Amino acid sequence: MEVRLEAFNLLNNFNWGNPIVNYSSGLFGRIQTVAGDMRIMQFGVKYSF
């Protein structure tokens, strides 16, 4: 029997996305997006005989 637990981004850190680069925008230079995935956890069991 094999038991497996996988965790990605365990501490739930995030990376800021790219800033808005449109000069005519009132939000120029602001970062409003987040890059990357949220916390993902997987659990699996494999039984062989």
Protein backbone atom coordinates (compact mmCIF):
# COMPACT_ATOMS: atom_id res chain seq x y z
CA MET A 1 0.00 0.00 0.00
CA GLU A 2 1.32 3.41 -0.94
CA VAL A 3 -0.05 6.62 0.57
CA ARG A 4 0.81 9.94 -1.03
CA LEU A 5 0.13 13.55 -0.04
CA GLU A 6 1.18 16.37 -2.36
CA ALA A 7 0.94 20.08 -1.60
CA PHE A 8 1.58 22.97 -3.97
CA ASN A 9 1.90 26.51 -2.62
CA LEU A 10 1.52 25.14 0.91
CA LEU A 11 2.00 28.52 2.64
CA ASN A 12 -0.43 30.16 0.18
CA ASN A 13 2.06 32.82 -0.93
CA PHE A 14 1.23 34.81 -4.03
CA ASN A 15 3.12 36.82 -6.59
CA TRP A 16 1.88 40.16 -7.84
CA GLY A 17 0.93 40.38 -11.50
CA ASN A 18 2.08 42.99 -14.00
CA PRO A 19 1.18 46.66 -13.49
CA ILE A 20 -1.19 48.52 -15.81
CA VAL A 21 0.96 50.21 -18.49
CA ASN A 22 -1.69 52.23 -20.33
CA TYR A 23 -0.64 55.89 -19.84
CA SER A 24 -4.16 57.22 -20.37
CA SER A 25 -5.60 54.97 -17.66
CA GLY A 26 -6.35 56.44 -14.27
CA LEU A 27 -4.95 53.24 -12.79
CA PHE A 28 -1.55 53.57 -14.49
CA GLY A 29 1.19 51.79 -12.55
CA ARG A 30 -1.15 49.95 -10.20
CA ILE A 31 -1.03 46.20 -9.81
CA GLN A 32 -4.48 44.66 -9.65
CA THR A 33 -3.81 41.03 -10.54
CA VAL A 34 -2.25 38.10 -8.78
CA ALA A 35 -0.06 35.62 -10.65
CA GLY A 36 0.04 31.97 -9.69
CA ASP A 37 -2.33 29.41 -8.25
CA MET A 38 -3.94 29.16 -4.86
CA ARG A 39 -3.10 26.38 -2.40
CA ILE A 40 -3.63 22.92 -3.92
CA MET A 41 -3.47 19.67 -1.93
CA GLN A 42 -3.84 16.13 -3.26
CA PHE A 43 -4.18 12.85 -1.41
CA GLY A 44 -3.83 9.44 -2.98
CA VAL A 45 -3.74 5.79 -1.99
CA LYS A 46 -2.50 2.97 -4.21
CA TYR A 47 -3.08 -0.64 -3.28
CA SER A 48 -1.43 -3.44 -5.19
CA PHE A 49 -1.08 -7.15 -4.62
